[in-house]
């Protein structure tokens, strides 16, 4: 009687263990950056999130199209206003607002500043 030999188990590759992931998407990270500093430069957002400046521009376009972010020009810079009353987009989280999401990440003083913003 012949027994089949099981293939030897391999240890997970270093790439699988080291593959980074986070609970928030890049859209969420960009939103947090804008909430922390409404006058932030896109270059700085890109560096903080770990994506390209072009990717930040695309995400800002998505957020603006959804009515979550509005851009206002101030001299040579942009200033961003967030509509924190907007519901989140996915059906699983649609019962929550942008403010609830930001409330999990930001400090109270940052949230108060957002609420008091014009």
C-alpha atoms as a PDB file:
ATOM      1  CA  UNK A   1       0.000   0.000   0.000  1.00  0.00           C
ATOM      2  CA  UNK A   2       1.400   3.348  -1.005  1.00  0.00           C
ATOM      3  CA  UNK A   3       0.961   6.406   1.184  1.00  0.00           C
ATOM      4  CA  UNK A   4       0.898   9.765  -0.409  1.00  0.00           C
ATOM      5  CA  UNK A   5       3.238  12.200   1.135  1.00  0.00           C
ATOM      6  CA  UNK A   6       1.857  15.581   2.036  1.00  0.00           C
ATOM      7  CA  UNK A   7       3.711  18.464   0.544  1.00  0.00           C
ATOM      8  CA  UNK A   8       5.982  20.111   3.073  1.00  0.00           C
ATOM      9  CA  UNK A   9       4.513  23.246   4.621  1.00  0.00           C
ATOM     10  CA  UNK A  10       6.160  26.431   3.595  1.00  0.00           C
ATOM     11  CA  UNK A  11       6.612  29.368   5.864  1.00  0.00           C
ATOM     12  CA  UNK A  12       4.744  32.440   4.679  1.00  0.00           C
ATOM     13  CA  UNK A  13       6.897  34.558   2.438  1.00  0.00           C
ATOM     14  CA  UNK A  14       8.363  37.714   3.864  1.00  0.00           C
ATOM     15  CA  UNK A  15       6.329  39.710   1.366  1.00  0.00           C
ATOM     16  CA  UNK A  16       3.049  38.289   2.680  1.00  0.00           C
ATOM     17  CA  UNK A  17       3.879  39.135   6.275  1.00  0.00           C
ATOM     18  CA  UNK A  18       5.289  42.537   5.452  1.00  0.00           C
ATOM     19  CA  UNK A  19       2.458  43.566   3.141  1.00  0.00           C
ATOM     20  CA  UNK A  20       1.090  46.714   4.744  1.00  0.00           C
ATOM     21  CA  UNK A  21      -2.621  47.327   5.139  1.00  0.00           C
ATOM     22  CA  UNK A  22      -4.707  49.699   7.201  1.00  0.00           C
ATOM     23  CA  UNK A  23      -8.293  49.947   8.357  1.00  0.00           C
ATOM     24  CA  UNK A  24      -8.827  53.217   6.463  1.00  0.00           C
ATOM     25  CA  UNK A  25      -8.547  53.616   2.705  1.00  0.00           C
ATOM     26  CA  UNK A  26      -6.444  56.296   1.058  1.00  0.00           C
ATOM     27  CA  UNK A  27      -9.665  58.320   0.729  1.00  0.00           C
ATOM     28  CA  UNK A  28     -10.049  58.153   4.501  1.00  0.00           C
ATOM     29  CA  UNK A  29      -6.438  59.134   5.057  1.00  0.00           C
ATOM     30  CA  UNK A  30      -6.731  62.143   2.736  1.00  0.00           C
ATOM     31  CA  UNK A  31      -9.904  63.197   4.534  1.00  0.00           C
ATOM     32  CA  UNK A  32      -8.138  63.027   7.904  1.00  0.00           C
ATOM     33  CA  UNK A  33      -5.250  65.136   6.572  1.00  0.00           C
ATOM     34  CA  UNK A  34      -7.667  67.798   5.316  1.00  0.00           C
ATOM     35  CA  UNK A  35      -9.517  67.786   8.636  1.00  0.00           C
ATOM     36  CA  UNK A  36      -6.270  68.260  10.548  1.00  0.00           C
ATOM     37  CA  UNK A  37      -5.123  71.148   8.351  1.00  0.00           C
ATOM     38  CA  UNK A  38      -7.627  72.681   5.902  1.00  0.00           C
ATOM     39  CA  UNK A  39      -4.806  74.659   4.268  1.00  0.00           C
ATOM     40  CA  UNK A  40      -2.477  71.710   3.749  1.00  0.00           C
ATOM     41  CA  UNK A  41      -0.576  71.383   0.463  1.00  0.00           C
ATOM     42  CA  UNK A  42      -1.357  68.345  -1.663  1.00  0.00           C
ATOM     43  CA  UNK A  43       2.340  67.486  -1.677  1.00  0.00           C
ATOM     44  CA  UNK A  44       2.235  67.214   2.113  1.00  0.00           C
ATOM     45  CA  UNK A  45      -0.922  65.096   2.008  1.00  0.00           C
ATOM     46  CA  UNK A  46       0.758  62.763  -0.482  1.00  0.00           C
ATOM     47  CA  UNK A  47       3.793  62.385   1.777  1.00  0.00           C
ATOM     48  CA  UNK A  48       1.651  61.739   4.868  1.00  0.00           C
ATOM     49  CA  UNK A  49      -0.553  59.152   3.144  1.00  0.00           C
ATOM     50  CA  UNK A  50       2.255  57.530   1.153  1.00  0.00           C
ATOM     51  CA  UNK A  51       0.766  58.050  -2.308  1.00  0.00           C
ATOM     52  CA  UNK A  52       1.533  60.303  -5.254  1.00  0.00           C
ATOM     53  CA  UNK A  53       0.360  63.871  -5.518  1.00  0.00           C
ATOM     54  CA  UNK A  54      -1.639  62.860  -8.585  1.00  0.00           C
ATOM     55  CA  UNK A  55      -3.428  60.182  -6.559  1.00  0.00           C
ATOM     56  CA  UNK A  56      -4.310  62.819  -3.941  1.00  0.00           C
ATOM     57  CA  UNK A  57      -5.749  65.022  -6.719  1.00  0.00           C
ATOM     58  CA  UNK A  58      -7.895  62.125  -7.933  1.00  0.00           C
ATOM     59  CA  UNK A  59      -9.119  61.366  -4.419  1.00  0.00           C
ATOM     60  CA  UNK A  60      -9.938  65.043  -3.878  1.00  0.00           C
ATOM     61  CA  UNK A  61     -11.962  64.939  -7.088  1.00  0.00           C
ATOM     62  CA  UNK A  62     -13.870  61.930  -5.772  1.00  0.00           C
ATOM     63  CA  UNK A  63     -14.502  63.594  -2.405  1.00  0.00           C
ATOM     64  CA  UNK A  64     -15.591  66.844  -4.075  1.00  0.00           C
ATOM     65  CA  UNK A  65     -17.946  65.004  -6.449  1.00  0.00           C
ATOM     66  CA  UNK A  66     -19.524  63.311  -3.411  1.00  0.00           C
ATOM     67  CA  UNK A  67     -20.000  66.703  -1.736  1.00  0.00           C
ATOM     68  CA  UNK A  68     -17.674  65.853   1.144  1.00  0.00           C
ATOM     69  CA  UNK A  69     -14.963  68.416   0.302  1.00  0.00           C
ATOM     70  CA  UNK A  70     -15.210  71.938  -1.114  1.00  0.00           C
ATOM     71  CA  UNK A  71     -12.133  73.839  -2.271  1.00  0.00           C
ATOM     72  CA  UNK A  72     -11.710  77.586  -1.874  1.00  0.00           C
ATOM     73  CA  UNK A  73      -8.827  79.525  -3.345  1.00  0.00           C
ATOM     74  CA  UNK A  74      -6.965  81.863  -0.944  1.00  0.00           C
ATOM     75  CA  UNK A  75      -4.264  83.692  -2.835  1.00  0.00           C
ATOM     76  CA  UNK A  76      -1.937  81.067  -4.251  1.00  0.00           C
ATOM     77  CA  UNK A  77      -3.141  78.342  -1.893  1.00  0.00           C
ATOM     78  CA  UNK A  78      -6.267  76.233  -1.540  1.00  0.00           C
ATOM     79  CA  UNK A  79      -8.305  75.844   1.602  1.00  0.00           C
ATOM     80  CA  UNK A  80     -10.583  72.840   2.048  1.00  0.00           C
ATOM     81  CA  UNK A  81     -13.923  72.726   3.840  1.00  0.00           C
ATOM     82  CA  UNK A  82     -15.445  69.407   4.851  1.00  0.00           C
ATOM     83  CA  UNK A  83     -19.147  68.642   5.025  1.00  0.00           C
ATOM     84  CA  UNK A  84     -18.971  66.444   8.097  1.00  0.00           C
ATOM     85  CA  UNK A  85     -22.728  65.808   8.069  1.00  0.00           C
ATOM     86  CA  UNK A  86     -22.463  63.714   4.895  1.00  0.00           C
ATOM     87  CA  UNK A  87     -23.164  60.015   5.344  1.00  0.00           C
ATOM     88  CA  UNK A  88     -20.433  57.515   4.574  1.00  0.00           C
ATOM     89  CA  UNK A  89     -20.828  55.889   1.175  1.00  0.00           C
ATOM     90  CA  UNK A  90     -20.836  52.123   1.652  1.00  0.00           C
ATOM     91  CA  UNK A  91     -24.161  50.543   2.693  1.00  0.00           C
ATOM     92  CA  UNK A  92     -22.494  48.896   5.703  1.00  0.00           C
ATOM     93  CA  UNK A  93     -21.475  52.272   7.141  1.00  0.00           C
ATOM     94  CA  UNK A  94     -24.050  54.595   5.550  1.00  0.00           C
ATOM     95  CA  UNK A  95     -25.768  55.061   8.913  1.00  0.00           C
ATOM     96  CA  UNK A  96     -22.660  56.993  10.063  1.00  0.00           C
ATOM     97  CA  UNK A  97     -21.392  60.407   9.004  1.00  0.00           C
ATOM     98  CA  UNK A  98     -18.013  61.804   8.005  1.00  0.00           C
ATOM     99  CA  UNK A  99     -17.934  63.420  11.477  1.00  0.00           C
ATOM    100  CA  UNK A 100     -18.280  59.995  13.122  1.00  0.00           C
ATOM    101  CA  UNK A 101     -15.388  58.651  11.046  1.00  0.00           C
ATOM    102  CA  UNK A 102     -13.185  61.624  11.870  1.00  0.00           C
ATOM    103  CA  UNK A 103     -14.194  61.337  15.518  1.00  0.00           C
ATOM    104  CA  UNK A 104     -12.427  57.986  15.690  1.00  0.00           C
ATOM    105  CA  UNK A 105      -9.139  59.496  14.523  1.00  0.00           C
ATOM    106  CA  UNK A 106      -8.959  63.165  15.484  1.00  0.00           C
ATOM    107  CA  UNK A 107      -8.460  64.757  18.873  1.00  0.00           C
ATOM    108  CA  UNK A 108     -11.373  66.625  20.465  1.00  0.00           C
ATOM    109  CA  UNK A 109      -9.835  70.034  19.802  1.00  0.00           C
ATOM    110  CA  UNK A 110      -9.518  69.217  16.087  1.00  0.00           C
ATOM    111  CA  UNK A 111     -13.143  68.077  15.970  1.00  0.00           C
ATOM    112  CA  UNK A 112     -14.309  71.244  17.716  1.00  0.00           C
ATOM    113  CA  UNK A 113     -12.367  73.387  15.245  1.00  0.00           C
ATOM    114  CA  UNK A 114     -14.038  71.506  12.382  1.00  0.00           C
ATOM    115  CA  UNK A 115     -17.490  71.986  13.906  1.00  0.00           C
ATOM    116  CA  UNK A 116     -16.840  75.719  14.410  1.00  0.00           C
ATOM    117  CA  UNK A 117     -15.486  76.252  10.862  1.00  0.00           C
ATOM    118  CA  UNK A 118     -17.658  78.379   8.577  1.00  0.00           C
END
